[in-house]
Amino acid sequence: MHSRMMHLPFIRLKDCKDYYGLAPGKSVLLRYAFPIKCTEVILGEDNESILEIRAEYDPSKKTKPKGVLHWVAEPTPGVEPLKVEVRLFEKLFLSENPAELDDWLGDLNPQSK
């Protein structure tokens, strides 16, 4: 395995059995790339903000983690990255299963766009 610095925004500092994402000492697959294992988390001065995640990657792809992360690669030096618009939406329905309701239209979330 090779070591490499990673800049990922989402990680749990404490792993649990039903969590398939990245955590210290845990491996995940970067979709369309390699499995990585978190080796170190660098925290900010507040001891809560994550500044950096260090990880090892497995170029042989022998590691078979359960979790898969979608990710965006850093652009090649000298090449402008693609510009994208990201929108965060609220859930469309207020209940977990609106199909079970008689009036599913009445279950629409007024905060959803």
C-alpha atoms as a PDB file:
ATOM      1  CA  MET A   1       0.000   0.000   0.000  1.00  0.00           C
ATOM      2  CA  HIS A   2       1.131   3.543  -0.721  1.00  0.00           C
ATOM      3  CA  SER A   3       0.569   6.564   1.538  1.00  0.00           C
ATOM      4  CA  ARG A   4      -1.018   9.693   0.137  1.00  0.00           C
ATOM      5  CA  MET A   5      -2.702  12.784   1.537  1.00  0.00           C
ATOM      6  CA  MET A   6      -6.443  12.901   0.940  1.00  0.00           C
ATOM      7  CA  HIS A   7      -8.770  15.898   1.262  1.00  0.00           C
ATOM      8  CA  LEU A   8     -12.182  14.392   2.021  1.00  0.00           C
ATOM      9  CA  PRO A   9     -14.935  16.325   3.803  1.00  0.00           C
ATOM     10  CA  PHE A  10     -16.863  13.402   5.348  1.00  0.00           C
ATOM     11  CA  ILE A  11     -15.548  10.999   7.928  1.00  0.00           C
ATOM     12  CA  ARG A  12     -16.552   9.686  11.331  1.00  0.00           C
ATOM     13  CA  LEU A  13     -13.965   9.917  14.049  1.00  0.00           C
ATOM     14  CA  LYS A  14     -15.498   6.889  15.801  1.00  0.00           C
ATOM     15  CA  ASP A  15     -16.413   3.819  13.768  1.00  0.00           C
ATOM     16  CA  CYS A  16     -19.431   1.628  14.452  1.00  0.00           C
ATOM     17  CA  LYS A  17     -20.593  -1.742  13.141  1.00  0.00           C
ATOM     18  CA  ASP A  18     -23.347  -0.458  10.812  1.00  0.00           C
ATOM     19  CA  TYR A  19     -21.299   2.429   9.336  1.00  0.00           C
ATOM     20  CA  TYR A  20     -19.731   1.751   5.919  1.00  0.00           C
ATOM     21  CA  GLY A  21     -18.060   5.133   5.410  1.00  0.00           C
ATOM     22  CA  LEU A  22     -14.539   6.262   6.230  1.00  0.00           C
ATOM     23  CA  ALA A  23     -13.257   6.218   9.815  1.00  0.00           C
ATOM     24  CA  PRO A  24      -9.777   5.948  11.378  1.00  0.00           C
ATOM     25  CA  GLY A  25      -8.359   2.485  10.646  1.00  0.00           C
ATOM     26  CA  LYS A  26     -11.235   1.644   8.275  1.00  0.00           C
ATOM     27  CA  SER A  27     -11.157   1.024   4.513  1.00  0.00           C
ATOM     28  CA  VAL A  28     -13.595   2.200   1.837  1.00  0.00           C
ATOM     29  CA  LEU A  29     -13.590   2.009  -1.941  1.00  0.00           C
ATOM     30  CA  LEU A  30     -13.323   5.261  -3.884  1.00  0.00           C
ATOM     31  CA  ARG A  31     -15.742   4.584  -6.747  1.00  0.00           C
ATOM     32  CA  TYR A  32     -13.928   4.083 -10.070  1.00  0.00           C
ATOM     33  CA  ALA A  33     -10.574   4.230  -8.266  1.00  0.00           C
ATOM     34  CA  PHE A  34      -8.885   2.415  -5.389  1.00  0.00           C
ATOM     35  CA  PRO A  35      -9.640   1.174  -1.897  1.00  0.00           C
ATOM     36  CA  ILE A  36      -8.242   3.525   0.754  1.00  0.00           C
ATOM     37  CA  LYS A  37      -7.661   3.112   4.492  1.00  0.00           C
ATOM     38  CA  CYS A  38      -7.754   6.111   6.841  1.00  0.00           C
ATOM     39  CA  THR A  39      -4.451   6.242   8.745  1.00  0.00           C
ATOM     40  CA  GLU A  40      -4.695   9.660  10.407  1.00  0.00           C
ATOM     41  CA  VAL A  41      -7.112  12.547  10.911  1.00  0.00           C
ATOM     42  CA  ILE A  42      -5.684  16.057  11.413  1.00  0.00           C
ATOM     43  CA  LEU A  43      -8.024  18.249  13.484  1.00  0.00           C
ATOM     44  CA  GLY A  44      -8.163  22.040  13.699  1.00  0.00           C
ATOM     45  CA  GLU A  45      -7.438  24.113  16.776  1.00  0.00           C
ATOM     46  CA  ASP A  46     -11.013  23.580  18.026  1.00  0.00           C
ATOM     47  CA  ASN A  47     -10.308  19.813  18.126  1.00  0.00           C
ATOM     48  CA  GLU A  48     -13.488  19.197  16.076  1.00  0.00           C
ATOM     49  CA  SER A  49     -12.944  20.617  12.575  1.00  0.00           C
ATOM     50  CA  ILE A  50     -11.287  18.145  10.227  1.00  0.00           C
ATOM     51  CA  LEU A  51      -8.477  19.824   8.311  1.00  0.00           C
ATOM     52  CA  GLU A  52      -6.970  16.795   6.618  1.00  0.00           C
ATOM     53  CA  ILE A  53      -7.368  13.050   6.287  1.00  0.00           C
ATOM     54  CA  ARG A  54      -4.348  10.893   5.563  1.00  0.00           C
ATOM     55  CA  ALA A  55      -4.898   7.537   3.943  1.00  0.00           C
ATOM     56  CA  GLU A  56      -3.168   4.636   2.257  1.00  0.00           C
ATOM     57  CA  TYR A  57      -4.450   3.403  -1.062  1.00  0.00           C
ATOM     58  CA  ASP A  58      -4.258  -0.102  -2.449  1.00  0.00           C
ATOM     59  CA  PRO A  59      -3.249   0.107  -6.145  1.00  0.00           C
ATOM     60  CA  SER A  60      -3.536  -3.680  -6.457  1.00  0.00           C
ATOM     61  CA  LYS A  61      -7.215  -3.429  -5.412  1.00  0.00           C
ATOM     62  CA  LYS A  62      -6.856  -6.544  -3.218  1.00  0.00           C
ATOM     63  CA  THR A  63      -8.698  -4.837  -0.348  1.00  0.00           C
ATOM     64  CA  LYS A  64     -12.479  -5.378  -0.671  1.00  0.00           C
ATOM     65  CA  PRO A  65     -14.214  -2.911   1.697  1.00  0.00           C
ATOM     66  CA  LYS A  66     -18.019  -2.819   2.028  1.00  0.00           C
ATOM     67  CA  GLY A  67     -18.333   0.970   1.836  1.00  0.00           C
ATOM     68  CA  VAL A  68     -18.101   2.887  -1.440  1.00  0.00           C
ATOM     69  CA  LEU A  69     -17.549   6.671  -1.631  1.00  0.00           C
ATOM     70  CA  HIS A  70     -18.346   8.838  -4.617  1.00  0.00           C
ATOM     71  CA  TRP A  71     -15.569  11.387  -4.924  1.00  0.00           C
ATOM     72  CA  VAL A  72     -14.208  14.178  -7.085  1.00  0.00           C
ATOM     73  CA  ALA A  73     -10.524  14.142  -7.993  1.00  0.00           C
ATOM     74  CA  GLU A  74      -8.301  17.182  -7.642  1.00  0.00           C
ATOM     75  CA  PRO A  75      -7.730  18.774 -11.079  1.00  0.00           C
ATOM     76  CA  THR A  76      -4.468  18.374 -12.936  1.00  0.00           C
ATOM     77  CA  PRO A  77      -2.098  21.293 -12.222  1.00  0.00           C
ATOM     78  CA  GLY A  78      -2.649  24.065 -14.775  1.00  0.00           C
ATOM     79  CA  VAL A  79      -6.111  22.755 -15.767  1.00  0.00           C
ATOM     80  CA  GLU A  80      -9.218  24.618 -14.642  1.00  0.00           C
ATOM     81  CA  PRO A  81     -11.620  22.343 -12.734  1.00  0.00           C
ATOM     82  CA  LEU A  82     -15.155  21.902 -14.032  1.00  0.00           C
ATOM     83  CA  LYS A  83     -17.624  24.315 -12.503  1.00  0.00           C
ATOM     84  CA  VAL A  84     -20.805  22.743 -11.141  1.00  0.00           C
ATOM     85  CA  GLU A  85     -23.913  23.923  -9.349  1.00  0.00           C
ATOM     86  CA  VAL A  86     -24.984  21.892  -6.326  1.00  0.00           C
ATOM     87  CA  ARG A  87     -28.447  22.145  -4.792  1.00  0.00           C
ATOM     88  CA  LEU A  88     -29.438  20.698  -1.441  1.00  0.00           C
ATOM     89  CA  PHE A  89     -33.104  19.780  -1.191  1.00  0.00           C
ATOM     90  CA  GLU A  90     -35.329  18.849   1.721  1.00  0.00           C
ATOM     91  CA  LYS A  91     -37.185  15.525   1.556  1.00  0.00           C
ATOM     92  CA  LEU A  92     -40.168  15.658  -0.809  1.00  0.00           C
ATOM     93  CA  PHE A  93     -42.516  13.936   1.659  1.00  0.00           C
ATOM     94  CA  LEU A  94     -42.921  14.352   5.406  1.00  0.00           C
ATOM     95  CA  SER A  95     -43.537  10.654   6.136  1.00  0.00           C
ATOM     96  CA  GLU A  96     -41.253   7.694   5.488  1.00  0.00           C
ATOM     97  CA  ASN A  97     -43.691   5.943   3.097  1.00  0.00           C
ATOM     98  CA  PRO A  98     -46.299   8.267   1.523  1.00  0.00           C
ATOM     99  CA  ALA A  99     -47.653   5.391  -0.611  1.00  0.00           C
ATOM    100  CA  GLU A 100     -49.289   4.010   2.559  1.00  0.00           C
ATOM    101  CA  LEU A 101     -51.313   7.210   3.043  1.00  0.00           C
ATOM    102  CA  ASP A 102     -54.795   7.900   1.663  1.00  0.00           C
ATOM    103  CA  ASP A 103     -53.822  11.505   0.875  1.00  0.00           C
ATOM    104  CA  TRP A 104     -50.203  11.351  -0.272  1.00  0.00           C
ATOM    105  CA  LEU A 105     -50.417  14.830  -1.786  1.00  0.00           C
ATOM    106  CA  GLY A 106     -51.201  16.186   1.671  1.00  0.00           C
ATOM    107  CA  ASP A 107     -47.884  14.683   2.852  1.00  0.00           C
ATOM    108  CA  LEU A 108     -45.771  16.950   0.617  1.00  0.00           C
ATOM    109  CA  ASN A 109     -43.074  18.782   2.562  1.00  0.00           C
ATOM    110  CA  PRO A 110     -43.678  22.565   2.260  1.00  0.00           C
ATOM    111  CA  GLN A 111     -39.899  23.132   2.724  1.00  0.00           C
ATOM    112  CA  SER A 112     -39.043  21.024  -0.351  1.00  0.00           C
ATOM    113  CA  LYS A 113     -38.487  22.768  -3.664  1.00  0.00           C
END
